[in-house]
């Protein structure tokens, strides 16, 4: 799970001038359009500019600290953060 979250970070940071898809899952069934294109032997044309380096560097530390395996293990049980959230939705 940790590697998937880190892959999503780099995937969202990448753009046409800087491809950051090395962490993305490879193969034809990947959610990453770049990796699917590589698998199919096609050229991927990314139209998005990507995030500026200043933004990447300022958010990376916080994002990676949230990717801590202890924090992510709390997400595996599938429950919501607020115990009353499901109950309030029913009412």
Protein backbone atom coordinates (compact mmCIF):
# COMPACT_ATOMS: atom_id res chain seq x y z
CA UNK A 1 0.00 0.00 0.00
CA UNK A 2 2.85 2.36 0.80
CA UNK A 3 4.42 1.93 -2.64
CA UNK A 4 1.05 2.60 -4.32
CA UNK A 5 0.63 5.86 -2.39
CA UNK A 6 4.16 6.96 -3.24
CA UNK A 7 3.57 6.06 -6.90
CA UNK A 8 0.44 8.21 -6.92
CA UNK A 9 2.44 11.17 -5.58
CA UNK A 10 5.09 10.99 -8.29
CA UNK A 11 2.45 10.29 -10.95
CA UNK A 12 0.56 13.46 -10.02
CA UNK A 13 3.75 15.52 -9.98
CA UNK A 14 4.84 14.48 -13.47
CA UNK A 15 4.14 16.42 -16.63
CA UNK A 16 5.19 16.76 -20.23
CA UNK A 17 8.62 18.16 -19.33
CA UNK A 18 9.38 15.78 -16.48
CA UNK A 19 8.12 12.20 -16.55
CA UNK A 20 8.02 10.68 -13.06
CA UNK A 21 6.32 7.36 -13.73
CA UNK A 22 9.03 4.94 -12.55
CA UNK A 23 7.04 4.12 -9.39
CA UNK A 24 3.77 3.53 -11.28
CA UNK A 25 2.63 -0.07 -11.81
CA UNK A 26 3.80 -1.46 -15.14
CA UNK A 27 1.77 -3.39 -17.69
CA UNK A 28 -1.30 -3.11 -19.85
CA UNK A 29 -3.72 -3.06 -16.93
CA UNK A 30 -1.95 -0.23 -15.08
CA UNK A 31 -3.92 2.85 -14.01
CA UNK A 32 -1.00 4.94 -15.32
CA UNK A 33 -1.54 5.96 -18.95
CA UNK A 34 2.21 6.36 -19.43
CA UNK A 35 2.97 2.78 -18.32
CA UNK A 36 0.10 1.43 -20.45
CA UNK A 37 1.52 3.24 -23.49
CA UNK A 38 5.01 1.84 -22.81
CA UNK A 39 3.55 -1.66 -22.50
CA UNK A 40 1.71 -1.28 -25.82
CA UNK A 41 4.77 0.20 -27.55
CA UNK A 42 3.08 3.55 -28.12
CA UNK A 43 4.37 7.05 -27.54
CA UNK A 44 2.66 8.75 -24.62
CA UNK A 45 1.93 12.45 -25.09
CA UNK A 46 1.41 14.20 -21.77
CA UNK A 47 -0.35 17.54 -22.13
CA UNK A 48 -0.22 18.60 -18.49
CA UNK A 49 2.60 20.89 -17.34
CA UNK A 50 3.10 18.99 -14.08
CA UNK A 51 3.80 20.55 -10.73
CA UNK A 52 6.61 23.08 -10.29
CA UNK A 53 9.69 21.86 -8.41
CA UNK A 54 9.02 24.30 -5.56
CA UNK A 55 5.60 22.76 -4.94
CA UNK A 56 6.94 19.20 -5.22
CA UNK A 57 9.74 19.89 -2.74
CA UNK A 58 7.49 21.64 -0.24
CA UNK A 59 4.80 18.95 -0.24
CA UNK A 60 7.02 15.88 -0.56
CA UNK A 61 8.16 15.81 3.08
CA UNK A 62 4.63 16.08 4.43
CA UNK A 63 3.27 13.58 1.92
CA UNK A 64 5.97 11.02 2.67
CA UNK A 65 5.43 11.37 6.42
CA UNK A 66 1.74 10.60 5.84
CA UNK A 67 2.84 7.48 3.92
CA UNK A 68 4.30 6.00 7.09
CA UNK A 69 3.43 2.31 7.30
CA UNK A 70 2.01 2.76 10.83
CA UNK A 71 -0.43 5.40 9.60
CA UNK A 72 -1.38 3.43 6.49
CA UNK A 73 -2.03 0.28 8.52
CA UNK A 74 -4.90 2.14 10.19
CA UNK A 75 -6.57 2.52 6.78
CA UNK A 76 -6.58 -1.21 6.01
CA UNK A 77 -9.60 -2.10 8.13
CA UNK A 78 -11.86 0.00 5.88
CA UNK A 79 -13.66 1.87 8.65
CA UNK A 80 -14.31 5.58 8.56
CA UNK A 81 -12.43 8.02 10.73
CA UNK A 82 -15.62 9.12 12.45
CA UNK A 83 -17.65 6.29 14.01
CA UNK A 84 -20.86 8.34 13.78
CA UNK A 85 -20.39 9.15 10.11
CA UNK A 86 -22.22 6.09 8.82
CA UNK A 87 -24.97 6.48 11.41
CA UNK A 88 -25.49 10.15 10.50
CA UNK A 89 -25.74 9.22 6.83
CA UNK A 90 -28.63 6.87 7.59
CA UNK A 91 -30.57 9.53 9.51
